[in-house]
Every structure is written in structure tokens, then in C-alpha cells.
């Protein structure tokens, strides 16, 4: 009897372990940084009341095959709400979407959708991507305001990462989006009411530089703004502090 009970318990333990492996999230993380995705808008403080996505824009992960901005993740349900006042970036009919990966993973492909119609697919070849990736996508003659859903399908799990981008598509032309200022408020040195010392960064602050290894708590300046490191990493082009709120916060 004891042997039978032990065998049953072993079977249950094996099944539970298998479920944990299947349900565990991928070790990869990433999102579209420009044109700013909804999670990037939240992390940059350009949209209010976003909830937890402010702190982890790279973590919109859910099962493959979904068509929701939140990836079916209830923690990020605000991303599915069309009434959040999402700004739309003005673009032509051809747009370059720039991804930032704070942790990389072998990739099946990236897919782009408008209104449930897939307009582009980029093959990942089962390879680990670089720390950044750019995809140029033709919007197929669409005009006016549209929502692009991008889906990053990792190669060896059941999960994908989701990123939605609000666009205002003009007639003719093409290329990259009209630049939008990421720091709309004047810096202390520009403010007529700022004190003479307000523009000075805190002691120990250095200028951000690609190739530098940063640890949690390090402070840098970039374009006159001070940031604090949230995750230890070695900086590379494309990981400038305004582009990766998962790695840096403005202070």
C-alpha cells in the first residue's frame, strides 16, 4: 500500500513540475520604443493612470495568437482601453518600428496587424535577436488614425510579447515618424524661475555612454536630464535612457 501511495505522489509531483515548466514565462522581454507604443507612452509619463505597466513596459507577455494590446494579461488591462487619451504619432504610409529588448530570446517571427489583418511578418529564423531591432512596414495605403498591434513570437515557449502603437497616417510620403519630444517640460536650466543651482546633477552623476557597465542606483545625465539605473546592464546604442524605461528612470 505504501509503495502504491508513493507511486501516486511521485506521479502527481512530476505532473506539477511539468505544468510549472509549461506555464513559466519566457526569459525574454521587449517592446516597441518608437514610434512610442502604448507601454512606452505610459513609462514616459505621457499617459496617466496606466497602472503597473509604468514600471515594466517590456513585460506585456501572453499566449501566442492573441490580438489584444495587453496580451491577455489583466495586470496591463489599461493598454486595451481606447479611452485613455493615447497620443497618435504622425507618420507616412511606411513606418520603421524600433524594438528594444531588455532580455533576448530565440525568435520565430514578429507580426504586425491592423484591425485584425496581418500586414507584415518578419522572420526571426529561430535566432536570438540583437539588443535592438528595426522593421520597416508598409501600411498598405491606410490613412487616418489606426492602431498597429505588434506580436513578438519567441521560438521555444507558448508565449509572445505584445506592443500596440497608435498612428495618425497622412497622405503620400513615408519614412519615419514625425519626432515627438520625449521631455515636453523645460529642464530646470531653461525655466525662468529655476534657481541657479537647479540644473546641476547630483554628485557622482556621470554622462551616459555606450559600452559602460552600469549597476543599480548609478546616475547619469543624457541630453541634460538625470536618470537612475534600475537594472544592471552594459549600455549599447539604442539603450539610451529615454528609450529604455525598464533600465532607467528619470529623477
C-alpha atoms as a PDB file:
ATOM      1  CA  UNK A   1       0.000   0.000   0.000  1.00  0.00           C
ATOM      2  CA  UNK A   2       2.805   2.378   0.930  1.00  0.00           C
ATOM      3  CA  UNK A   3       4.542   1.721  -2.385  1.00  0.00           C
ATOM      4  CA  UNK A   4       1.304   2.461  -4.243  1.00  0.00           C
ATOM      5  CA  UNK A   5       0.813   5.734  -2.367  1.00  0.00           C
ATOM      6  CA  UNK A   6       4.424   6.717  -3.005  1.00  0.00           C
ATOM      7  CA  UNK A   7       3.995   5.998  -6.716  1.00  0.00           C
ATOM      8  CA  UNK A   8       0.867   8.170  -6.876  1.00  0.00           C
ATOM      9  CA  UNK A   9       2.604  11.034  -5.076  1.00  0.00           C
ATOM     10  CA  UNK A  10       5.587  10.773  -7.431  1.00  0.00           C
ATOM     11  CA  UNK A  11       3.265  10.917 -10.452  1.00  0.00           C
ATOM     12  CA  UNK A  12       1.487  14.000  -9.081  1.00  0.00           C
ATOM     13  CA  UNK A  13       4.800  15.731  -8.372  1.00  0.00           C
ATOM     14  CA  UNK A  14       6.038  15.019 -11.899  1.00  0.00           C
ATOM     15  CA  UNK A  15       2.825  16.385 -13.400  1.00  0.00           C
ATOM     16  CA  UNK A  16       3.007  19.528 -11.256  1.00  0.00           C
ATOM     17  CA  UNK A  17       6.604  20.133 -12.316  1.00  0.00           C
ATOM     18  CA  UNK A  18       5.624  19.772 -15.968  1.00  0.00           C
ATOM     19  CA  UNK A  19       2.848  22.308 -15.515  1.00  0.00           C
ATOM     20  CA  UNK A  20       5.227  24.772 -13.902  1.00  0.00           C
ATOM     21  CA  UNK A  21       7.660  24.450 -16.789  1.00  0.00           C
ATOM     22  CA  UNK A  22       4.874  24.953 -19.338  1.00  0.00           C
ATOM     23  CA  UNK A  23       3.372  27.940 -17.534  1.00  0.00           C
ATOM     24  CA  UNK A  24       6.621  29.734 -16.739  1.00  0.00           C
ATOM     25  CA  UNK A  25       7.127  32.969 -18.679  1.00  0.00           C
ATOM     26  CA  UNK A  26       9.814  33.309 -21.304  1.00  0.00           C
ATOM     27  CA  UNK A  27      13.086  34.823 -20.182  1.00  0.00           C
ATOM     28  CA  UNK A  28      12.844  37.372 -22.972  1.00  0.00           C
ATOM     29  CA  UNK A  29      11.423  40.866 -22.646  1.00  0.00           C
ATOM     30  CA  UNK A  30      10.878  43.615 -25.189  1.00  0.00           C
ATOM     31  CA  UNK A  31       8.615  46.276 -26.626  1.00  0.00           C
ATOM     32  CA  UNK A  32       8.422  48.937 -29.346  1.00  0.00           C
ATOM     33  CA  UNK A  33      10.170  52.128 -28.249  1.00  0.00           C
ATOM     34  CA  UNK A  34       9.459  54.182 -31.391  1.00  0.00           C
ATOM     35  CA  UNK A  35       7.068  55.216 -32.669  1.00  0.00           C
ATOM     36  CA  UNK A  36       6.146  55.112 -28.976  1.00  0.00           C
ATOM     37  CA  UNK A  37       3.976  52.107 -28.136  1.00  0.00           C
ATOM     38  CA  UNK A  38       1.261  52.395 -25.527  1.00  0.00           C
ATOM     39  CA  UNK A  39       3.525  50.920 -22.871  1.00  0.00           C
ATOM     40  CA  UNK A  40       6.295  53.341 -23.860  1.00  0.00           C
ATOM     41  CA  UNK A  41       3.839  56.240 -23.568  1.00  0.00           C
ATOM     42  CA  UNK A  42       2.963  55.074 -20.059  1.00  0.00           C
ATOM     43  CA  UNK A  43       6.564  54.551 -18.975  1.00  0.00           C
ATOM     44  CA  UNK A  44       7.494  58.019 -20.262  1.00  0.00           C
ATOM     45  CA  UNK A  45       4.647  59.588 -18.273  1.00  0.00           C
ATOM     46  CA  UNK A  46       2.860  60.816 -21.388  1.00  0.00           C
ATOM     47  CA  UNK A  47      -0.336  58.968 -20.435  1.00  0.00           C
ATOM     48  CA  UNK A  48      -1.644  58.915 -16.856  1.00  0.00           C
ATOM     49  CA  UNK A  49      -3.262  56.169 -14.768  1.00  0.00           C
ATOM     50  CA  UNK A  50      -1.525  53.316 -16.580  1.00  0.00           C
ATOM     51  CA  UNK A  51      -1.010  51.076 -13.573  1.00  0.00           C
ATOM     52  CA  UNK A  52       1.828  48.555 -13.297  1.00  0.00           C
ATOM     53  CA  UNK A  53       2.928  48.889 -16.931  1.00  0.00           C
ATOM     54  CA  UNK A  54       4.693  52.138 -15.984  1.00  0.00           C
ATOM     55  CA  UNK A  55       7.390  50.080 -14.250  1.00  0.00           C
ATOM     56  CA  UNK A  56       7.742  47.196 -16.707  1.00  0.00           C
ATOM     57  CA  UNK A  57       6.847  48.187 -20.274  1.00  0.00           C
ATOM     58  CA  UNK A  58       8.899  45.243 -21.525  1.00  0.00           C
ATOM     59  CA  UNK A  59       6.702  42.631 -19.798  1.00  0.00           C
ATOM     60  CA  UNK A  60       3.494  42.502 -21.868  1.00  0.00           C
ATOM     61  CA  UNK A  61       3.593  38.735 -22.288  1.00  0.00           C
ATOM     62  CA  UNK A  62       0.806  36.297 -23.063  1.00  0.00           C
ATOM     63  CA  UNK A  63      -0.070  33.200 -25.096  1.00  0.00           C
ATOM     64  CA  UNK A  64       0.652  33.315 -28.810  1.00  0.00           C
ATOM     65  CA  UNK A  65      -2.183  34.141 -31.168  1.00  0.00           C
ATOM     66  CA  UNK A  66      -3.909  36.886 -29.176  1.00  0.00           C
ATOM     67  CA  UNK A  67      -4.910  40.242 -30.654  1.00  0.00           C
ATOM     68  CA  UNK A  68      -5.079  42.389 -27.512  1.00  0.00           C
ATOM     69  CA  UNK A  69      -2.639  45.118 -26.549  1.00  0.00           C
ATOM     70  CA  UNK A  70      -2.369  43.640 -23.050  1.00  0.00           C
ATOM     71  CA  UNK A  71      -1.560  40.137 -24.322  1.00  0.00           C
ATOM     72  CA  UNK A  72      -4.455  38.909 -22.192  1.00  0.00           C
ATOM     73  CA  UNK A  73      -2.615  39.996 -19.045  1.00  0.00           C
ATOM     74  CA  UNK A  74      -5.097  41.512 -16.586  1.00  0.00           C
ATOM     75  CA  UNK A  75      -2.299  43.466 -14.864  1.00  0.00           C
ATOM     76  CA  UNK A  76      -1.948  45.520 -18.024  1.00  0.00           C
ATOM     77  CA  UNK A  77      -5.635  45.874 -18.927  1.00  0.00           C
ATOM     78  CA  UNK A  78      -5.249  49.653 -19.324  1.00  0.00           C
ATOM     79  CA  UNK A  79      -3.442  49.006 -22.609  1.00  0.00           C
ATOM     80  CA  UNK A  80      -6.703  47.700 -24.085  1.00  0.00           C
ATOM     81  CA  UNK A  81      -8.691  50.795 -23.055  1.00  0.00           C
ATOM     82  CA  UNK A  82      -9.264  53.105 -26.066  1.00  0.00           C
ATOM     83  CA  UNK A  83     -10.370  55.938 -23.755  1.00  0.00           C
ATOM     84  CA  UNK A  84      -7.001  56.556 -22.097  1.00  0.00           C
ATOM     85  CA  UNK A  85      -6.159  59.501 -24.365  1.00  0.00           C
ATOM     86  CA  UNK A  86      -3.412  57.697 -26.279  1.00  0.00           C
ATOM     87  CA  UNK A  87      -1.382  60.174 -28.406  1.00  0.00           C
ATOM     88  CA  UNK A  88      -1.027  59.147 -32.059  1.00  0.00           C
ATOM     89  CA  UNK A  89       2.297  59.620 -33.831  1.00  0.00           C
ATOM     90  CA  UNK A  90       2.072  61.243 -37.279  1.00  0.00           C
ATOM     91  CA  UNK A  91       3.608  59.032 -39.982  1.00  0.00           C
ATOM     92  CA  UNK A  92       3.586  58.382 -43.701  1.00  0.00           C
ATOM     93  CA  UNK A  93       2.489  55.095 -45.228  1.00  0.00           C
ATOM     94  CA  UNK A  94       5.792  53.391 -44.487  1.00  0.00           C
ATOM     95  CA  UNK A  95       6.880  53.200 -40.857  1.00  0.00           C
ATOM     96  CA  UNK A  96      10.002  51.888 -39.145  1.00  0.00           C
ATOM     97  CA  UNK A  97       9.177  50.214 -35.829  1.00  0.00           C
ATOM     98  CA  UNK A  98      12.081  50.067 -33.379  1.00  0.00           C
ATOM     99  CA  UNK A  99      12.160  47.351 -30.726  1.00  0.00           C
ATOM    100  CA  UNK A 100      14.213  47.345 -27.522  1.00  0.00           C
ATOM    101  CA  UNK A 101      14.980  44.006 -25.846  1.00  0.00           C
ATOM    102  CA  UNK A 102      15.998  44.102 -22.196  1.00  0.00           C
ATOM    103  CA  UNK A 103      16.408  40.326 -22.274  1.00  0.00           C
ATOM    104  CA  UNK A 104      16.750  38.444 -25.549  1.00  0.00           C
ATOM    105  CA  UNK A 105      15.279  35.143 -26.634  1.00  0.00           C
ATOM    106  CA  UNK A 106      15.294  32.992 -29.765  1.00  0.00           C
ATOM    107  CA  UNK A 107      12.621  34.338 -32.115  1.00  0.00           C
ATOM    108  CA  UNK A 108      10.196  32.695 -34.534  1.00  0.00           C
ATOM    109  CA  UNK A 109       8.963  35.966 -36.027  1.00  0.00           C
ATOM    110  CA  UNK A 110       7.435  39.374 -35.487  1.00  0.00           C
ATOM    111  CA  UNK A 111       3.917  40.018 -36.794  1.00  0.00           C
ATOM    112  CA  UNK A 112       2.127  43.321 -37.415  1.00  0.00           C
ATOM    113  CA  UNK A 113      -1.672  43.711 -37.557  1.00  0.00           C
ATOM    114  CA  UNK A 114      -4.178  46.468 -38.279  1.00  0.00           C
ATOM    115  CA  UNK A 115      -7.805  45.749 -37.429  1.00  0.00           C
ATOM    116  CA  UNK A 116      -7.175  42.001 -37.267  1.00  0.00           C
ATOM    117  CA  UNK A 117      -5.451  41.911 -40.680  1.00  0.00           C
ATOM    118  CA  UNK A 118      -1.806  40.904 -40.714  1.00  0.00           C
ATOM    119  CA  UNK A 119       0.092  43.465 -42.763  1.00  0.00           C
ATOM    120  CA  UNK A 120       3.658  42.238 -42.221  1.00  0.00           C
ATOM    121  CA  UNK A 121       5.661  39.332 -40.850  1.00  0.00           C
ATOM    122  CA  UNK A 122       9.400  39.453 -40.165  1.00  0.00           C
ATOM    123  CA  UNK A 123      11.211  36.111 -39.902  1.00  0.00           C
ATOM    124  CA  UNK A 124      13.345  35.634 -36.800  1.00  0.00           C
ATOM    125  CA  UNK A 125      14.960  32.437 -38.049  1.00  0.00           C
ATOM    126  CA  UNK A 126      14.880  30.889 -34.576  1.00  0.00           C
ATOM    127  CA  UNK A 127      17.830  33.062 -33.629  1.00  0.00           C
ATOM    128  CA  UNK A 128      18.420  35.301 -30.634  1.00  0.00           C
ATOM    129  CA  UNK A 129      17.911  38.921 -31.736  1.00  0.00           C
ATOM    130  CA  UNK A 130      20.310  41.772 -31.102  1.00  0.00           C
ATOM    131  CA  UNK A 131      19.524  44.162 -28.263  1.00  0.00           C
ATOM    132  CA  UNK A 132      17.527  46.299 -30.689  1.00  0.00           C
ATOM    133  CA  UNK A 133      15.718  45.587 -33.943  1.00  0.00           C
ATOM    134  CA  UNK A 134      14.089  47.754 -36.621  1.00  0.00           C
ATOM    135  CA  UNK A 135      11.344  46.671 -39.028  1.00  0.00           C
ATOM    136  CA  UNK A 136      10.120  48.813 -41.911  1.00  0.00           C
ATOM    137  CA  UNK A 137       6.438  48.133 -42.556  1.00  0.00           C
ATOM    138  CA  UNK A 138       4.157  49.371 -45.347  1.00  0.00           C
ATOM    139  CA  UNK A 139       0.693  50.268 -44.043  1.00  0.00           C
ATOM    140  CA  UNK A 140      -0.973  49.360 -47.333  1.00  0.00           C
ATOM    141  CA  UNK A 141      -2.402  52.757 -48.235  1.00  0.00           C
ATOM    142  CA  UNK A 142      -4.313  53.239 -45.000  1.00  0.00           C
ATOM    143  CA  UNK A 143      -4.996  56.798 -43.886  1.00  0.00           C
ATOM    144  CA  UNK A 144      -6.273  58.451 -40.747  1.00  0.00           C
ATOM    145  CA  UNK A 145      -5.887  57.149 -37.230  1.00  0.00           C
ATOM    146  CA  UNK A 146      -5.036  53.453 -36.890  1.00  0.00           C
ATOM    147  CA  UNK A 147      -3.837  51.078 -34.179  1.00  0.00           C
ATOM    148  CA  UNK A 148      -0.990  48.716 -35.058  1.00  0.00           C
ATOM    149  CA  UNK A 149      -0.657  45.571 -32.958  1.00  0.00           C
ATOM    150  CA  UNK A 150       2.814  44.003 -33.000  1.00  0.00           C
ATOM    151  CA  UNK A 151       3.421  40.475 -31.750  1.00  0.00           C
ATOM    152  CA  UNK A 152       6.892  39.097 -30.986  1.00  0.00           C
ATOM    153  CA  UNK A 153       6.703  35.288 -31.107  1.00  0.00           C
ATOM    154  CA  UNK A 154       9.528  33.661 -29.173  1.00  0.00           C
ATOM    155  CA  UNK A 155      10.715  30.345 -30.532  1.00  0.00           C
ATOM    156  CA  UNK A 156      10.619  27.855 -27.688  1.00  0.00           C
ATOM    157  CA  UNK A 157       7.668  28.712 -25.449  1.00  0.00           C
ATOM    158  CA  UNK A 158       3.921  29.104 -25.913  1.00  0.00           C
ATOM    159  CA  UNK A 159       4.224  32.838 -25.241  1.00  0.00           C
ATOM    160  CA  UNK A 160       4.582  36.032 -27.234  1.00  0.00           C
ATOM    161  CA  UNK A 161       5.168  39.679 -26.353  1.00  0.00           C
ATOM    162  CA  UNK A 162       2.688  42.359 -27.433  1.00  0.00           C
ATOM    163  CA  UNK A 163       3.057  46.037 -28.285  1.00  0.00           C
ATOM    164  CA  UNK A 164       0.393  48.411 -29.655  1.00  0.00           C
ATOM    165  CA  UNK A 165       1.189  51.683 -31.445  1.00  0.00           C
ATOM    166  CA  UNK A 166      -1.296  54.474 -32.178  1.00  0.00           C
ATOM    167  CA  UNK A 167      -0.593  56.187 -35.505  1.00  0.00           C
ATOM    168  CA  UNK A 168      -2.034  59.080 -37.486  1.00  0.00           C
ATOM    169  CA  UNK A 169      -1.331  58.224 -41.111  1.00  0.00           C
ATOM    170  CA  UNK A 170      -1.107  61.136 -43.543  1.00  0.00           C
ATOM    171  CA  UNK A 171      -1.430  61.040 -47.318  1.00  0.00           C
ATOM    172  CA  UNK A 172       1.571  60.278 -49.502  1.00  0.00           C
ATOM    173  CA  UNK A 173       5.116  60.439 -48.275  1.00  0.00           C
ATOM    174  CA  UNK A 174       6.586  57.871 -45.987  1.00  0.00           C
ATOM    175  CA  UNK A 175       9.513  57.089 -43.816  1.00  0.00           C
ATOM    176  CA  UNK A 176       9.993  57.659 -40.162  1.00  0.00           C
ATOM    177  CA  UNK A 177       7.519  59.178 -37.727  1.00  0.00           C
ATOM    178  CA  UNK A 178       7.467  62.864 -37.013  1.00  0.00           C
ATOM    179  CA  UNK A 179       9.690  63.301 -33.970  1.00  0.00           C
ATOM    180  CA  UNK A 180       7.810  63.844 -30.743  1.00  0.00           C
ATOM    181  CA  UNK A 181       9.593  65.418 -27.787  1.00  0.00           C
ATOM    182  CA  UNK A 182      10.078  62.911 -25.001  1.00  0.00           C
ATOM    183  CA  UNK A 183      10.648  65.657 -22.439  1.00  0.00           C
ATOM    184  CA  UNK A 184       7.864  68.211 -23.005  1.00  0.00           C
ATOM    185  CA  UNK A 185       8.573  70.156 -19.834  1.00  0.00           C
ATOM    186  CA  UNK A 186      11.501  72.602 -19.723  1.00  0.00           C
ATOM    187  CA  UNK A 187      14.577  71.489 -17.874  1.00  0.00           C
ATOM    188  CA  UNK A 188      15.480  73.452 -14.727  1.00  0.00           C
ATOM    189  CA  UNK A 189      18.163  75.347 -16.645  1.00  0.00           C
ATOM    190  CA  UNK A 190      15.535  76.501 -19.165  1.00  0.00           C
ATOM    191  CA  UNK A 191      12.969  77.542 -16.586  1.00  0.00           C
ATOM    192  CA  UNK A 192      12.923  81.283 -15.857  1.00  0.00           C
ATOM    193  CA  UNK A 193      12.043  80.580 -12.215  1.00  0.00           C
ATOM    194  CA  UNK A 194      14.697  77.911 -11.582  1.00  0.00           C
ATOM    195  CA  UNK A 195      17.391  78.585  -9.035  1.00  0.00           C
ATOM    196  CA  UNK A 196      20.964  78.978 -10.334  1.00  0.00           C
ATOM    197  CA  UNK A 197      21.967  75.578  -8.938  1.00  0.00           C
ATOM    198  CA  UNK A 198      18.851  73.631 -10.002  1.00  0.00           C
ATOM    199  CA  UNK A 199      20.433  72.411 -13.249  1.00  0.00           C
ATOM    200  CA  UNK A 200      23.400  70.820 -11.521  1.00  0.00           C
ATOM    201  CA  UNK A 201      23.169  66.992 -11.443  1.00  0.00           C
ATOM    202  CA  UNK A 202      23.681  65.187  -8.109  1.00  0.00           C
ATOM    203  CA  UNK A 203      27.209  64.392  -7.009  1.00  0.00           C
ATOM    204  CA  UNK A 204      28.544  61.178  -8.532  1.00  0.00           C
ATOM    205  CA  UNK A 205      26.498  61.562 -11.707  1.00  0.00           C
ATOM    206  CA  UNK A 206      28.255  60.780 -14.983  1.00  0.00           C
ATOM    207  CA  UNK A 207      27.312  61.291 -18.607  1.00  0.00           C
ATOM    208  CA  UNK A 208      25.633  58.255 -20.195  1.00  0.00           C
ATOM    209  CA  UNK A 209      27.967  56.449 -22.591  1.00  0.00           C
ATOM    210  CA  UNK A 210      27.583  53.365 -24.744  1.00  0.00           C
ATOM    211  CA  UNK A 211      29.832  50.494 -23.664  1.00  0.00           C
ATOM    212  CA  UNK A 212      29.705  51.445 -19.986  1.00  0.00           C
ATOM    213  CA  UNK A 213      28.655  48.860 -17.386  1.00  0.00           C
ATOM    214  CA  UNK A 214      26.058  50.348 -15.028  1.00  0.00           C
ATOM    215  CA  UNK A 215      24.835  48.946 -11.732  1.00  0.00           C
ATOM    216  CA  UNK A 216      21.556  49.527  -9.928  1.00  0.00           C
ATOM    217  CA  UNK A 217      21.450  53.024  -8.431  1.00  0.00           C
ATOM    218  CA  UNK A 218      24.009  54.606 -10.784  1.00  0.00           C
ATOM    219  CA  UNK A 219      23.030  58.068 -12.002  1.00  0.00           C
ATOM    220  CA  UNK A 220      23.744  59.518 -15.420  1.00  0.00           C
ATOM    221  CA  UNK A 221      22.815  62.551 -17.437  1.00  0.00           C
ATOM    222  CA  UNK A 222      21.553  62.336 -21.013  1.00  0.00           C
ATOM    223  CA  UNK A 223      20.535  65.418 -23.024  1.00  0.00           C
ATOM    224  CA  UNK A 224      20.568  67.443 -19.828  1.00  0.00           C
ATOM    225  CA  UNK A 225      18.256  65.097 -17.894  1.00  0.00           C
ATOM    226  CA  UNK A 226      19.306  62.924 -14.936  1.00  0.00           C
ATOM    227  CA  UNK A 227      18.403  59.213 -14.818  1.00  0.00           C
ATOM    228  CA  UNK A 228      18.901  56.460 -12.239  1.00  0.00           C
ATOM    229  CA  UNK A 229      19.716  52.865 -13.206  1.00  0.00           C
ATOM    230  CA  UNK A 230      17.026  50.279 -12.387  1.00  0.00           C
ATOM    231  CA  UNK A 231      18.739  47.131 -13.731  1.00  0.00           C
ATOM    232  CA  UNK A 232      22.423  46.328 -14.031  1.00  0.00           C
ATOM    233  CA  UNK A 233      23.495  46.259 -17.691  1.00  0.00           C
ATOM    234  CA  UNK A 234      26.136  47.328 -20.178  1.00  0.00           C
ATOM    235  CA  UNK A 235      24.913  50.211 -22.327  1.00  0.00           C
ATOM    236  CA  UNK A 236      24.690  49.860 -26.099  1.00  0.00           C
ATOM    237  CA  UNK A 237      23.421  52.130 -28.884  1.00  0.00           C
ATOM    238  CA  UNK A 238      19.625  52.085 -28.787  1.00  0.00           C
ATOM    239  CA  UNK A 239      19.537  51.740 -24.999  1.00  0.00           C
ATOM    240  CA  UNK A 240      19.731  55.490 -24.343  1.00  0.00           C
ATOM    241  CA  UNK A 241      17.903  56.258 -21.059  1.00  0.00           C
ATOM    242  CA  UNK A 242      14.763  57.823 -22.614  1.00  0.00           C
ATOM    243  CA  UNK A 243      14.342  54.734 -24.826  1.00  0.00           C
ATOM    244  CA  UNK A 244      14.511  52.072 -22.107  1.00  0.00           C
ATOM    245  CA  UNK A 245      12.418  52.993 -19.062  1.00  0.00           C
ATOM    246  CA  UNK A 246      12.852  49.384 -17.944  1.00  0.00           C
ATOM    247  CA  UNK A 247      16.528  50.183 -17.342  1.00  0.00           C
ATOM    248  CA  UNK A 248      16.430  53.868 -16.348  1.00  0.00           C
ATOM    249  CA  UNK A 249      14.056  56.190 -14.521  1.00  0.00           C
ATOM    250  CA  UNK A 250      14.114  59.952 -14.717  1.00  0.00           C
ATOM    251  CA  UNK A 251      14.970  61.638 -11.400  1.00  0.00           C
END
